[in-house]
Amino acid sequence: MGRKKIEGITKRTLNMIFECAKDAHPREFAAGMRHIDGVISELILVPGTISGNRSALLRLSNLPIDYSLVGIVHSHPSPNVSPSPQDINMFGRYGRVHIIVGWPYHEKSWKAYDWNGKEIELEVLP
């Protein structure tokens, strides 16, 4: 059984990410992401996540065992959406698609990355 290629994210889910990031600001927000048929369409809030001004500590061991989980989304409370070395380290340990959203948390302030920190394209779907 092969893994489904992740083609996109629903606009509703992306908007939910923006709202969660705005609500957490100036602290970082972090959550897991789940896909349905190759489209990221749900956020998974992880028990024990600690949001701080410089990072969010996501307890990966608290994520459910669920093969539809594809990666992590987190916010940067600045306009910089480039992954830090710590981000890339986390990308490599869990998942295959990761999103970083930056302030002011809207459709032009996010990027998606693969497990190695390489920028990838995700289509925003209705």
PDB file of N, CA and C in Angstrom:
ATOM      1  N   MET A   1       0.845  -1.179   0.000  1.00  0.00           N
ATOM      2  CA  MET A   1       0.000   0.000   0.000  1.00  0.00           C
ATOM      3  C   MET A   1       0.890   1.242   0.000  1.00  0.00           C
ATOM      4  N   GLY A   2       0.840   2.056  -1.060  1.00  0.00           N
ATOM      5  CA  GLY A   2       1.644   3.261  -1.152  1.00  0.00           C
ATOM      6  C   GLY A   2       1.006   4.422  -0.420  1.00  0.00           C
ATOM      7  N   ARG A   3       1.833   5.423  -0.143  1.00  0.00           N
ATOM      8  CA  ARG A   3       1.317   6.612   0.513  1.00  0.00           C
ATOM      9  C   ARG A   3       0.732   7.541  -0.529  1.00  0.00           C
ATOM     10  N   LYS A   4      -0.412   8.100  -0.212  1.00  0.00           N
ATOM     11  CA  LYS A   4      -1.095   9.032  -1.107  1.00  0.00           C
ATOM     12  C   LYS A   4      -0.301  10.336  -1.193  1.00  0.00           C
ATOM     13  N   LYS A   5      -0.085  10.827  -2.402  1.00  0.00           N
ATOM     14  CA  LYS A   5       0.598  12.107  -2.596  1.00  0.00           C
ATOM     15  C   LYS A   5      -0.311  13.225  -2.082  1.00  0.00           C
ATOM     16  N   ILE A   6       0.275  14.156  -1.361  1.00  0.00           N
ATOM     17  CA  ILE A   6      -0.482  15.285  -0.835  1.00  0.00           C
ATOM     18  C   ILE A   6      -0.495  16.375  -1.897  1.00  0.00           C
ATOM     19  N   GLU A   7      -1.673  16.646  -2.416  1.00  0.00           N
ATOM     20  CA  GLU A   7      -1.833  17.593  -3.521  1.00  0.00           C
ATOM     21  C   GLU A   7      -2.173  19.006  -3.064  1.00  0.00           C
ATOM     22  N   GLY A   8      -2.858  19.127  -1.908  1.00  0.00           N
ATOM     23  CA  GLY A   8      -3.310  20.464  -1.537  1.00  0.00           C
ATOM     24  C   GLY A   8      -3.841  20.523  -0.118  1.00  0.00           C
ATOM     25  N   ILE A   9      -4.444  21.671   0.176  1.00  0.00           N
ATOM     26  CA  ILE A   9      -5.043  21.945   1.469  1.00  0.00           C
ATOM     27  C   ILE A   9      -6.348  22.674   1.220  1.00  0.00           C
ATOM     28  N   THR A  10      -7.368  22.384   2.028  1.00  0.00           N
ATOM     29  CA  THR A  10      -8.629  23.090   1.834  1.00  0.00           C
ATOM     30  C   THR A  10      -8.507  24.524   2.337  1.00  0.00           C
ATOM     31  N   LYS A  11      -9.210  25.411   1.688  1.00  0.00           N
ATOM     32  CA  LYS A  11      -9.216  26.821   2.093  1.00  0.00           C
ATOM     33  C   LYS A  11      -9.715  26.952   3.527  1.00  0.00           C
ATOM     34  N   ARG A  12     -10.694  26.138   3.907  1.00  0.00           N
ATOM     35  CA  ARG A  12     -11.240  26.172   5.267  1.00  0.00           C
ATOM     36  C   ARG A  12     -10.160  25.822   6.288  1.00  0.00           C
ATOM     37  N   THR A  13      -9.368  24.793   5.991  1.00  0.00           N
ATOM     38  CA  THR A  13      -8.306  24.384   6.904  1.00  0.00           C
ATOM     39  C   THR A  13      -7.222  25.450   6.986  1.00  0.00           C
ATOM     40  N   LEU A  14      -6.852  26.020   5.852  1.00  0.00           N
ATOM     41  CA  LEU A  14      -5.840  27.075   5.850  1.00  0.00           C
ATOM     42  C   LEU A  14      -6.327  28.283   6.652  1.00  0.00           C
ATOM     43  N   ASN A  15      -7.595  28.655   6.480  1.00  0.00           N
ATOM     44  CA  ASN A  15      -8.151  29.767   7.255  1.00  0.00           C
ATOM     45  C   ASN A  15      -8.165  29.450   8.751  1.00  0.00           C
ATOM     46  N   MET A  16      -8.439  28.194   9.106  1.00  0.00           N
ATOM     47  CA  MET A  16      -8.414  27.787  10.505  1.00  0.00           C
ATOM     48  C   MET A  16      -7.003  27.938  11.067  1.00  0.00           C
ATOM     49  N   ILE A  17      -5.996  27.573  10.277  1.00  0.00           N
ATOM     50  CA  ILE A  17      -4.599  27.728  10.696  1.00  0.00           C
ATOM     51  C   ILE A  17      -4.298  29.204  10.959  1.00  0.00           C
ATOM     52  N   PHE A  18      -4.720  30.078  10.045  1.00  0.00           N
ATOM     53  CA  PHE A  18      -4.484  31.515  10.232  1.00  0.00           C
ATOM     54  C   PHE A  18      -5.129  32.012  11.519  1.00  0.00           C
ATOM     55  N   GLU A  19      -6.366  31.597  11.776  1.00  0.00           N
ATOM     56  CA  GLU A  19      -7.075  32.047  12.976  1.00  0.00           C
ATOM     57  C   GLU A  19      -6.412  31.523  14.244  1.00  0.00           C
ATOM     58  N   CYS A  20      -5.961  30.273  14.237  1.00  0.00           N
ATOM     59  CA  CYS A  20      -5.261  29.716  15.405  1.00  0.00           C
ATOM     60  C   CYS A  20      -3.957  30.471  15.654  1.00  0.00           C
ATOM     61  N   ALA A  21      -3.233  30.798  14.591  1.00  0.00           N
ATOM     62  CA  ALA A  21      -1.976  31.540  14.720  1.00  0.00           C
ATOM     63  C   ALA A  21      -2.233  32.948  15.261  1.00  0.00           C
ATOM     64  N   LYS A  22      -3.279  33.599  14.759  1.00  0.00           N
ATOM     65  CA  LYS A  22      -3.632  34.934  15.257  1.00  0.00           C
ATOM     66  C   LYS A  22      -3.986  34.874  16.736  1.00  0.00           C
ATOM     67  N   ASP A  23      -4.740  33.853  17.119  1.00  0.00           N
ATOM     68  CA  ASP A  23      -5.164  33.708  18.509  1.00  0.00           C
ATOM     69  C   ASP A  23      -3.962  33.482  19.432  1.00  0.00           C
ATOM     70  N   ALA A  24      -2.961  32.736  18.972  1.00  0.00           N
ATOM     71  CA  ALA A  24      -1.786  32.437  19.791  1.00  0.00           C
ATOM     72  C   ALA A  24      -0.775  33.592  19.820  1.00  0.00           C
ATOM     73  N   HIS A  25      -0.803  34.465  18.826  1.00  0.00           N
ATOM     74  CA  HIS A  25       0.180  35.542  18.685  1.00  0.00           C
ATOM     75  C   HIS A  25       0.304  36.360  19.971  1.00  0.00           C
ATOM     76  N   PRO A  26       1.499  36.660  20.466  1.00  0.00           N
ATOM     77  CA  PRO A  26       2.810  36.534  19.847  1.00  0.00           C
ATOM     78  C   PRO A  26       3.494  35.189  20.111  1.00  0.00           C
ATOM     79  N   ARG A  27       2.784  34.260  20.716  1.00  0.00           N
ATOM     80  CA  ARG A  27       3.348  32.916  20.900  1.00  0.00           C
ATOM     81  C   ARG A  27       3.159  32.116  19.615  1.00  0.00           C
ATOM     82  N   GLU A  28       3.944  31.056  19.479  1.00  0.00           N
ATOM     83  CA  GLU A  28       3.803  30.175  18.320  1.00  0.00           C
ATOM     84  C   GLU A  28       2.656  29.201  18.536  1.00  0.00           C
ATOM     85  N   PHE A  29       1.994  28.862  17.454  1.00  0.00           N
ATOM     86  CA  PHE A  29       0.937  27.857  17.408  1.00  0.00           C
ATOM     87  C   PHE A  29       1.491  26.635  16.695  1.00  0.00           C
ATOM     88  N   ALA A  30       1.101  25.436  17.128  1.00  0.00           N
ATOM     89  CA  ALA A  30       1.528  24.212  16.443  1.00  0.00           C
ATOM     90  C   ALA A  30       0.419  23.170  16.538  1.00  0.00           C
ATOM     91  N   ALA A  31       0.290  22.368  15.479  1.00  0.00           N
ATOM     92  CA  ALA A  31      -0.705  21.293  15.436  1.00  0.00           C
ATOM     93  C   ALA A  31      -0.289  20.268  14.388  1.00  0.00           C
ATOM     94  N   GLY A  32      -0.881  19.095  14.454  1.00  0.00           N
ATOM     95  CA  GLY A  32      -0.709  18.084  13.420  1.00  0.00           C
ATOM     96  C   GLY A  32      -1.695  18.343  12.292  1.00  0.00           C
ATOM     97  N   MET A  33      -1.440  17.738  11.136  1.00  0.00           N
ATOM     98  CA  MET A  33      -2.338  17.878   9.981  1.00  0.00           C
ATOM     99  C   MET A  33      -2.712  16.493   9.465  1.00  0.00           C
ATOM    100  N   ARG A  34      -3.973  16.348   9.101  1.00  0.00           N
ATOM    101  CA  ARG A  34      -4.479  15.082   8.571  1.00  0.00           C
ATOM    102  C   ARG A  34      -5.001  15.323   7.149  1.00  0.00           C
ATOM    103  N   HIS A  35      -4.770  14.326   6.284  1.00  0.00           N
ATOM    104  CA  HIS A  35      -5.285  14.435   4.922  1.00  0.00           C
ATOM    105  C   HIS A  35      -6.424  13.440   4.710  1.00  0.00           C
ATOM    106  N   ILE A  36      -7.266  13.790   3.768  1.00  0.00           N
ATOM    107  CA  ILE A  36      -8.301  12.890   3.266  1.00  0.00           C
ATOM    108  C   ILE A  36      -8.140  12.884   1.759  1.00  0.00           C
ATOM    109  N   ASP A  37      -7.841  11.728   1.200  1.00  0.00           N
ATOM    110  CA  ASP A  37      -7.638  11.578  -0.246  1.00  0.00           C
ATOM    111  C   ASP A  37      -6.628  12.563  -0.816  1.00  0.00           C
ATOM    112  N   GLY A  38      -5.527  12.779  -0.085  1.00  0.00           N
ATOM    113  CA  GLY A  38      -4.454  13.622  -0.589  1.00  0.00           C
ATOM    114  C   GLY A  38      -4.634  15.115  -0.385  1.00  0.00           C
ATOM    115  N   VAL A  39      -5.664  15.507   0.374  1.00  0.00           N
ATOM    116  CA  VAL A  39      -5.925  16.921   0.636  1.00  0.00           C
ATOM    117  C   VAL A  39      -5.906  17.137   2.149  1.00  0.00           C
ATOM    118  N   ILE A  40      -5.040  18.038   2.610  1.00  0.00           N
ATOM    119  CA  ILE A  40      -5.004  18.361   4.038  1.00  0.00           C
ATOM    120  C   ILE A  40      -6.317  19.045   4.379  1.00  0.00           C
ATOM    121  N   SER A  41      -7.051  18.423   5.314  1.00  0.00           N
ATOM    122  CA  SER A  41      -8.393  18.926   5.585  1.00  0.00           C
ATOM    123  C   SER A  41      -8.745  18.965   7.068  1.00  0.00           C
ATOM    124  N   GLU A  42      -7.813  18.589   7.935  1.00  0.00           N
ATOM    125  CA  GLU A  42      -8.082  18.635   9.372  1.00  0.00           C
ATOM    126  C   GLU A  42      -6.806  18.984  10.140  1.00  0.00           C
ATOM    127  N   LEU A  43      -6.996  19.661  11.263  1.00  0.00           N
ATOM    128  CA  LEU A  43      -5.917  19.924  12.210  1.00  0.00           C
ATOM    129  C   LEU A  43      -6.094  19.005  13.405  1.00  0.00           C
ATOM    130  N   ILE A  44      -4.996  18.564  13.962  1.00  0.00           N
ATOM    131  CA  ILE A  44      -5.007  17.720  15.147  1.00  0.00           C
ATOM    132  C   ILE A  44      -4.289  18.489  16.251  1.00  0.00           C
ATOM    133  N   LEU A  45      -5.038  18.907  17.257  1.00  0.00           N
ATOM    134  CA  LEU A  45      -4.424  19.572  18.397  1.00  0.00           C
ATOM    135  C   LEU A  45      -3.794  18.503  19.276  1.00  0.00           C
ATOM    136  N   VAL A  46      -2.556  18.722  19.656  1.00  0.00           N
ATOM    137  CA  VAL A  46      -1.780  17.704  20.363  1.00  0.00           C
ATOM    138  C   VAL A  46      -1.724  18.041  21.854  1.00  0.00           C
ATOM    139  N   PRO A  47      -2.226  17.137  22.695  1.00  0.00           N
ATOM    140  CA  PRO A  47      -2.171  17.393  24.136  1.00  0.00           C
ATOM    141  C   PRO A  47      -0.736  17.623  24.600  1.00  0.00           C
ATOM    142  N   GLY A  48      -0.577  18.581  25.513  1.00  0.00           N
ATOM    143  CA  GLY A  48       0.741  18.857  26.066  1.00  0.00           C
ATOM    144  C   GLY A  48       1.571  19.837  25.268  1.00  0.00           C
ATOM    145  N   THR A  49       1.025  20.400  24.169  1.00  0.00           N
ATOM    146  CA  THR A  49       1.776  21.378  23.376  1.00  0.00           C
ATOM    147  C   THR A  49       1.983  22.642  24.206  1.00  0.00           C
ATOM    148  N   ILE A  50       3.195  23.155  24.187  1.00  0.00           N
ATOM    149  CA  ILE A  50       3.533  24.376  24.918  1.00  0.00           C
ATOM    150  C   ILE A  50       3.864  25.448  23.895  1.00  0.00           C
ATOM    151  N   SER A  51       3.128  26.551  23.942  1.00  0.00           N
ATOM    152  CA  SER A  51       3.362  27.662  23.018  1.00  0.00           C
ATOM    153  C   SER A  51       4.207  28.710  23.710  1.00  0.00           C
ATOM    154  N   GLY A  52       5.313  29.087  23.070  1.00  0.00           N
ATOM    155  CA  GLY A  52       6.195  30.093  23.627  1.00  0.00           C
ATOM    156  C   GLY A  52       6.429  31.216  22.644  1.00  0.00           C
ATOM    157  N   ASN A  53       7.139  32.247  23.098  1.00  0.00           N
ATOM    158  CA  ASN A  53       7.425  33.396  22.232  1.00  0.00           C
ATOM    159  C   ASN A  53       8.442  33.075  21.151  1.00  0.00           C
ATOM    160  N   ARG A  54       9.292  32.076  21.363  1.00  0.00           N
ATOM    161  CA  ARG A  54      10.326  31.751  20.390  1.00  0.00           C
ATOM    162  C   ARG A  54      10.121  30.397  19.742  1.00  0.00           C
ATOM    163  N   SER A  55       9.266  29.561  20.310  1.00  0.00           N
ATOM    164  CA  SER A  55       9.031  28.239  19.735  1.00  0.00           C
ATOM    165  C   SER A  55       7.777  27.637  20.344  1.00  0.00           C
ATOM    166  N   ALA A  56       7.303  26.593  19.697  1.00  0.00           N
ATOM    167  CA  ALA A  56       6.217  25.786  20.241  1.00  0.00           C
ATOM    168  C   ALA A  56       6.786  24.393  20.451  1.00  0.00           C
ATOM    169  N   LEU A  57       6.582  23.865  21.625  1.00  0.00           N
ATOM    170  CA  LEU A  57       7.055  22.521  21.926  1.00  0.00           C
ATOM    171  C   LEU A  57       5.894  21.559  21.712  1.00  0.00           C
ATOM    172  N   LEU A  58       5.974  20.792  20.650  1.00  0.00           N
ATOM    173  CA  LEU A  58       4.933  19.845  20.278  1.00  0.00           C
ATOM    174  C   LEU A  58       5.398  18.462  20.694  1.00  0.00           C
ATOM    175  N   ARG A  59       4.668  17.834  21.545  1.00  0.00           N
ATOM    176  CA  ARG A  59       5.036  16.501  22.030  1.00  0.00           C
ATOM    177  C   ARG A  59       4.593  15.472  20.989  1.00  0.00           C
ATOM    178  N   LEU A  60       5.531  15.126  20.088  1.00  0.00           N
ATOM    179  CA  LEU A  60       5.215  14.208  19.000  1.00  0.00           C
ATOM    180  C   LEU A  60       4.716  12.867  19.510  1.00  0.00           C
ATOM    181  N   SER A  61       5.162  12.461  20.688  1.00  0.00           N
ATOM    182  CA  SER A  61       4.718  11.179  21.243  1.00  0.00           C
ATOM    183  C   SER A  61       3.234  11.200  21.613  1.00  0.00           C
ATOM    184  N   ASN A  62       2.638  12.388  21.707  1.00  0.00           N
ATOM    185  CA  ASN A  62       1.216  12.494  22.022  1.00  0.00           C
ATOM    186  C   ASN A  62       0.322  12.483  20.783  1.00  0.00           C
ATOM    187  N   LEU A  63       0.935  12.473  19.591  1.00  0.00           N
ATOM    188  CA  LEU A  63       0.130  12.375  18.373  1.00  0.00           C
ATOM    189  C   LEU A  63      -0.492  10.981  18.293  1.00  0.00           C
ATOM    190  N   PRO A  64      -1.717  10.892  17.799  1.00  0.00           N
ATOM    191  CA  PRO A  64      -2.321   9.564  17.669  1.00  0.00           C
ATOM    192  C   PRO A  64      -1.618   8.745  16.594  1.00  0.00           C
ATOM    193  N   ILE A  65      -1.672   7.435  16.730  1.00  0.00           N
ATOM    194  CA  ILE A  65      -1.158   6.561  15.674  1.00  0.00           C
ATOM    195  C   ILE A  65      -2.223   6.552  14.588  1.00  0.00           C
ATOM    196  N   ASP A  66      -1.927   7.257  13.511  1.00  0.00           N
ATOM    197  CA  ASP A  66      -2.926   7.506  12.480  1.00  0.00           C
ATOM    198  C   ASP A  66      -2.173   7.771  11.177  1.00  0.00           C
ATOM    199  N   TYR A  67      -2.320   6.883  10.222  1.00  0.00           N
ATOM    200  CA  TYR A  67      -1.557   7.002   8.973  1.00  0.00           C
ATOM    201  C   TYR A  67      -2.056   8.104   8.053  1.00  0.00           C
ATOM    202  N   SER A  68      -3.143   8.786   8.432  1.00  0.00           N
ATOM    203  CA  SER A  68      -3.587   9.922   7.635  1.00  0.00           C
ATOM    204  C   SER A  68      -2.941  11.227   8.113  1.00  0.00           C
ATOM    205  N   LEU A  69      -2.167  11.176   9.206  1.00  0.00           N
ATOM    206  CA  LEU A  69      -1.424  12.360   9.645  1.00  0.00           C
ATOM    207  C   LEU A  69      -0.223  12.540   8.729  1.00  0.00           C
ATOM    208  N   VAL A  70      -0.054  13.747   8.195  1.00  0.00           N
ATOM    209  CA  VAL A  70       1.004  13.958   7.201  1.00  0.00           C
ATOM    210  C   VAL A  70       2.119  14.885   7.646  1.00  0.00           C
ATOM    211  N   GLY A  71       1.922  15.612   8.720  1.00  0.00           N
ATOM    212  CA  GLY A  71       2.962  16.527   9.153  1.00  0.00           C
ATOM    213  C   GLY A  71       2.464  17.515  10.176  1.00  0.00           C
ATOM    214  N   ILE A  72       3.254  18.564  10.350  1.00  0.00           N
ATOM    215  CA  ILE A  72       3.022  19.560  11.386  1.00  0.00           C
ATOM    216  C   ILE A  72       2.885  20.935  10.740  1.00  0.00           C
ATOM    217  N   VAL A  73       2.005  21.750  11.313  1.00  0.00           N
ATOM    218  CA  VAL A  73       1.910  23.162  10.964  1.00  0.00           C
ATOM    219  C   VAL A  73       2.313  23.945  12.204  1.00  0.00           C
ATOM    220  N   HIS A  74       3.047  25.027  11.998  1.00  0.00           N
ATOM    221  CA  HIS A  74       3.315  25.921  13.109  1.00  0.00           C
ATOM    222  C   HIS A  74       3.480  27.346  12.598  1.00  0.00           C
ATOM    223  N   SER A  75       3.363  28.281  13.545  1.00  0.00           N
ATOM    224  CA  SER A  75       3.449  29.693  13.176  1.00  0.00           C
ATOM    225  C   SER A  75       4.772  30.279  13.644  1.00  0.00           C
ATOM    226  N   HIS A  76       5.174  31.328  12.942  1.00  0.00           N
ATOM    227  CA  HIS A  76       6.285  32.180  13.362  1.00  0.00           C
ATOM    228  C   HIS A  76       5.654  33.549  13.625  1.00  0.00           C
ATOM    229  N   PRO A  77       5.861  34.139  14.800  1.00  0.00           N
ATOM    230  CA  PRO A  77       5.248  35.438  15.093  1.00  0.00           C
ATOM    231  C   PRO A  77       5.955  36.607  14.406  1.00  0.00           C
ATOM    232  N   SER A  78       6.595  36.325  13.276  1.00  0.00           N
ATOM    233  CA  SER A  78       7.229  37.342  12.433  1.00  0.00           C
ATOM    234  C   SER A  78       6.853  37.007  10.992  1.00  0.00           C
ATOM    235  N   PRO A  79       7.160  37.880  10.048  1.00  0.00           N
ATOM    236  CA  PRO A  79       6.856  37.570   8.647  1.00  0.00           C
ATOM    237  C   PRO A  79       7.744  36.478   8.043  1.00  0.00           C
ATOM    238  N   ASN A  80       8.792  36.045   8.742  1.00  0.00           N
ATOM    239  CA  ASN A  80       9.728  35.053   8.222  1.00  0.00           C
ATOM    240  C   ASN A  80       9.119  33.652   8.295  1.00  0.00           C
ATOM    241  N   VAL A  81       8.885  33.052   7.138  1.00  0.00           N
ATOM    242  CA  VAL A  81       8.319  31.694   7.102  1.00  0.00           C
ATOM    243  C   VAL A  81       9.350  30.658   6.648  1.00  0.00           C
ATOM    244  N   SER A  82      10.612  31.028   6.699  1.00  0.00           N
ATOM    245  CA  SER A  82      11.679  30.073   6.386  1.00  0.00           C
ATOM    246  C   SER A  82      11.901  29.167   7.596  1.00  0.00           C
ATOM    247  N   PRO A  83      12.155  27.888   7.356  1.00  0.00           N
ATOM    248  CA  PRO A  83      12.371  26.989   8.484  1.00  0.00           C
ATOM    249  C   PRO A  83      13.738  27.218   9.140  1.00  0.00           C
ATOM    250  N   SER A  84      13.740  27.162  10.456  1.00  0.00           N
ATOM    251  CA  SER A  84      14.989  27.243  11.220  1.00  0.00           C
ATOM    252  C   SER A  84      15.640  25.866  11.211  1.00  0.00           C
ATOM    253  N   PRO A  85      16.891  25.760  11.641  1.00  0.00           N
ATOM    254  CA  PRO A  85      17.508  24.429  11.766  1.00  0.00           C
ATOM    255  C   PRO A  85      16.697  23.508  12.689  1.00  0.00           C
ATOM    256  N   GLN A  86      16.102  24.073  13.749  1.00  0.00           N
ATOM    257  CA  GLN A  86      15.273  23.271  14.648  1.00  0.00           C
ATOM    258  C   GLN A  86      14.015  22.781  13.928  1.00  0.00           C
ATOM    259  N   ASP A  87      13.421  23.637  13.080  1.00  0.00           N
ATOM    260  CA  ASP A  87      12.251  23.231  12.288  1.00  0.00           C
ATOM    261  C   ASP A  87      12.610  22.060  11.379  1.00  0.00           C
ATOM    262  N   ILE A  88      13.709  22.180  10.668  1.00  0.00           N
ATOM    263  CA  ILE A  88      14.113  21.129   9.732  1.00  0.00           C
ATOM    264  C   ILE A  88      14.398  19.828  10.472  1.00  0.00           C
ATOM    265  N   ASN A  89      14.987  19.930  11.662  1.00  0.00           N
ATOM    266  CA  ASN A  89      15.213  18.738  12.477  1.00  0.00           C
ATOM    267  C   ASN A  89      13.875  18.054  12.803  1.00  0.00           C
ATOM    268  N   MET A  90      12.876  18.838  13.201  1.00  0.00           N
ATOM    269  CA  MET A  90      11.557  18.283  13.505  1.00  0.00           C
ATOM    270  C   MET A  90      10.906  17.726  12.233  1.00  0.00           C
ATOM    271  N   PHE A  91      11.028  18.424  11.106  1.00  0.00           N
ATOM    272  CA  PHE A  91      10.455  17.937   9.845  1.00  0.00           C
ATOM    273  C   PHE A  91      10.962  16.532   9.553  1.00  0.00           C
ATOM    274  N   GLY A  92      12.264  16.320   9.746  1.00  0.00           N
ATOM    275  CA  GLY A  92      12.870  15.039   9.441  1.00  0.00           C
ATOM    276  C   GLY A  92      12.456  13.921  10.380  1.00  0.00           C
ATOM    277  N   ARG A  93      11.937  14.280  11.548  1.00  0.00           N
ATOM    278  CA  ARG A  93      11.540  13.260  12.517  1.00  0.00           C
ATOM    279  C   ARG A  93      10.074  12.854  12.397  1.00  0.00           C
ATOM    280  N   TYR A  94       9.249  13.715  11.783  1.00  0.00           N
ATOM    281  CA  TYR A  94       7.832  13.385  11.724  1.00  0.00           C
ATOM    282  C   TYR A  94       7.194  13.976  10.478  1.00  0.00           C
ATOM    283  N   GLY A  95       6.551  13.133   9.711  1.00  0.00           N
ATOM    284  CA  GLY A  95       5.719  13.604   8.614  1.00  0.00           C
ATOM    285  C   GLY A  95       6.467  13.862   7.326  1.00  0.00           C
ATOM    286  N   ARG A  96       5.702  14.249   6.342  1.00  0.00           N
ATOM    287  CA  ARG A  96       6.285  14.501   5.026  1.00  0.00           C
ATOM    288  C   ARG A  96       5.869  15.829   4.426  1.00  0.00           C
ATOM    289  N   VAL A  97       4.887  16.513   5.033  1.00  0.00           N
ATOM    290  CA  VAL A  97       4.474  17.851   4.601  1.00  0.00           C
ATOM    291  C   VAL A  97       4.371  18.718   5.845  1.00  0.00           C
ATOM    292  N   HIS A  98       4.981  19.901   5.785  1.00  0.00           N
ATOM    293  CA  HIS A  98       4.973  20.812   6.923  1.00  0.00           C
ATOM    294  C   HIS A  98       4.645  22.211   6.418  1.00  0.00           C
ATOM    295  N   ILE A  99       3.908  22.948   7.226  1.00  0.00           N
ATOM    296  CA  ILE A  99       3.524  24.310   6.868  1.00  0.00           C
ATOM    297  C   ILE A  99       4.008  25.251   7.956  1.00  0.00           C
ATOM    298  N   ILE A 100       4.555  26.382   7.515  1.00  0.00           N
ATOM    299  CA  ILE A 100       4.888  27.472   8.431  1.00  0.00           C
ATOM    300  C   ILE A 100       4.078  28.687   7.985  1.00  0.00           C
ATOM    301  N   VAL A 101       3.352  29.291   8.931  1.00  0.00           N
ATOM    302  CA  VAL A 101       2.621  30.530   8.670  1.00  0.00           C
ATOM    303  C   VAL A 101       3.294  31.643   9.452  1.00  0.00           C
ATOM    304  N   GLY A 102       3.385  32.807   8.845  1.00  0.00           N
ATOM    305  CA  GLY A 102       4.014  33.954   9.498  1.00  0.00           C
ATOM    306  C   GLY A 102       3.045  35.106   9.639  1.00  0.00           C
ATOM    307  N   TRP A 103       3.375  35.983  10.579  1.00  0.00           N
ATOM    308  CA  TRP A 103       2.570  37.178  10.788  1.00  0.00           C
ATOM    309  C   TRP A 103       2.523  37.969   9.488  1.00  0.00           C
ATOM    310  N   PRO A 104       1.427  38.479   9.013  1.00  0.00           N
ATOM    311  CA  PRO A 104       0.142  38.695   9.678  1.00  0.00           C
ATOM    312  C   PRO A 104      -0.880  37.562   9.466  1.00  0.00           C
ATOM    313  N   TYR A 105      -0.421  36.383   9.125  1.00  0.00           N
ATOM    314  CA  TYR A 105      -1.260  35.182   9.057  1.00  0.00           C
ATOM    315  C   TYR A 105      -2.411  35.323   8.056  1.00  0.00           C
ATOM    316  N   HIS A 106      -2.025  35.396   6.793  1.00  0.00           N
ATOM    317  CA  HIS A 106      -3.034  35.422   5.727  1.00  0.00           C
ATOM    318  C   HIS A 106      -2.501  34.658   4.518  1.00  0.00           C
ATOM    319  N   GLU A 107      -3.271  34.658   3.435  1.00  0.00           N
ATOM    320  CA  GLU A 107      -2.981  33.795   2.280  1.00  0.00           C
ATOM    321  C   GLU A 107      -1.623  34.040   1.621  1.00  0.00           C
ATOM    322  N   LYS A 108      -0.969  35.148   1.927  1.00  0.00           N
ATOM    323  CA  LYS A 108       0.355  35.406   1.346  1.00  0.00           C
ATOM    324  C   LYS A 108       1.477  35.222   2.362  1.00  0.00           C
ATOM    325  N   SER A 109       1.150  34.683   3.537  1.00  0.00           N
ATOM    326  CA  SER A 109       2.184  34.578   4.578  1.00  0.00           C
ATOM    327  C   SER A 109       2.352  33.140   5.074  1.00  0.00           C
ATOM    328  N   TRP A 110       2.464  32.207   4.120  1.00  0.00           N
ATOM    329  CA  TRP A 110       2.694  30.809   4.492  1.00  0.00           C
ATOM    330  C   TRP A 110       3.447  30.098   3.381  1.00  0.00           C
ATOM    331  N   LYS A 111       4.133  29.023   3.778  1.00  0.00           N
ATOM    332  CA  LYS A 111       4.812  28.157   2.813  1.00  0.00           C
ATOM    333  C   LYS A 111       4.750  26.727   3.324  1.00  0.00           C
ATOM    334  N   ALA A 112       4.836  25.807   2.377  1.00  0.00           N
ATOM    335  CA  ALA A 112       4.853  24.382   2.706  1.00  0.00           C
ATOM    336  C   ALA A 112       6.237  23.827   2.378  1.00  0.00           C
ATOM    337  N   TYR A 113       6.640  22.812   3.159  1.00  0.00           N
ATOM    338  CA  TYR A 113       7.956  22.201   3.021  1.00  0.00           C
ATOM    339  C   TYR A 113       7.842  20.689   3.102  1.00  0.00           C
ATOM    340  N   ASP A 114       8.805  20.005   2.486  1.00  0.00           N
ATOM    341  CA  ASP A 114       8.861  18.547   2.628  1.00  0.00           C
ATOM    342  C   ASP A 114       9.643  18.201   3.898  1.00  0.00           C
ATOM    343  N   TRP A 115       9.842  16.936   4.129  1.00  0.00           N
ATOM    344  CA  TRP A 115      10.507  16.453   5.350  1.00  0.00           C
ATOM    345  C   TRP A 115      11.948  16.921   5.469  1.00  0.00           C
ATOM    346  N   ASN A 116      12.533  17.354   4.335  1.00  0.00           N
ATOM    347  CA  ASN A 116      13.930  17.771   4.297  1.00  0.00           C
ATOM    348  C   ASN A 116      14.087  19.299   4.323  1.00  0.00           C
ATOM    349  N   GLY A 117      12.967  20.025   4.416  1.00  0.00           N
ATOM    350  CA  GLY A 117      13.013  21.484   4.451  1.00  0.00           C
ATOM    351  C   GLY A 117      12.994  22.148   3.098  1.00  0.00           C
ATOM    352  N   LYS A 118      12.741  21.370   2.035  1.00  0.00           N
ATOM    353  CA  LYS A 118      12.641  21.927   0.676  1.00  0.00           C
ATOM    354  C   LYS A 118      11.221  22.453   0.463  1.00  0.00           C
ATOM    355  N   GLU A 119      11.128  23.693  -0.042  1.00  0.00           N
ATOM    356  CA  GLU A 119       9.809  24.281  -0.279  1.00  0.00           C
ATOM    357  C   GLU A 119       9.056  23.473  -1.340  1.00  0.00           C
ATOM    358  N   ILE A 120       7.764  23.240  -1.086  1.00  0.00           N
ATOM    359  CA  ILE A 120       6.898  22.524  -2.017  1.00  0.00           C
ATOM    360  C   ILE A 120       5.639  23.348  -2.254  1.00  0.00           C
ATOM    361  N   GLU A 121       4.952  23.047  -3.337  1.00  0.00           N
ATOM    362  CA  GLU A 121       3.697  23.728  -3.657  1.00  0.00           C
ATOM    363  C   GLU A 121       2.526  22.902  -3.150  1.00  0.00           C
ATOM    364  N   LEU A 122       1.575  23.558  -2.523  1.00  0.00           N
ATOM    365  CA  LEU A 122       0.305  22.953  -2.143  1.00  0.00           C
ATOM    366  C   LEU A 122      -0.795  23.808  -2.735  1.00  0.00           C
ATOM    367  N   GLU A 123      -1.688  23.196  -3.482  1.00  0.00           N
ATOM    368  CA  GLU A 123      -2.815  23.912  -4.041  1.00  0.00           C
ATOM    369  C   GLU A 123      -3.847  24.165  -2.955  1.00  0.00           C
ATOM    370  N   VAL A 124      -4.397  25.385  -2.931  1.00  0.00           N
ATOM    371  CA  VAL A 124      -5.487  25.704  -2.003  1.00  0.00           C
ATOM    372  C   VAL A 124      -6.789  25.370  -2.720  1.00  0.00           C
ATOM    373  N   LEU A 125      -7.529  24.437  -2.134  1.00  0.00           N
ATOM    374  CA  LEU A 125      -8.736  23.897  -2.762  1.00  0.00           C
ATOM    375  C   LEU A 125      -9.981  24.355  -2.007  1.00  0.00           C
ATOM    376  N   PRO A 126     -11.100  24.470  -2.742  1.00  0.00           N
ATOM    377  CA  PRO A 126     -12.352  24.905  -2.059  1.00  0.00           C
ATOM    378  C   PRO A 126     -12.796  23.935  -0.980  1.00  0.00           C
TER     379      PRO A 126
END
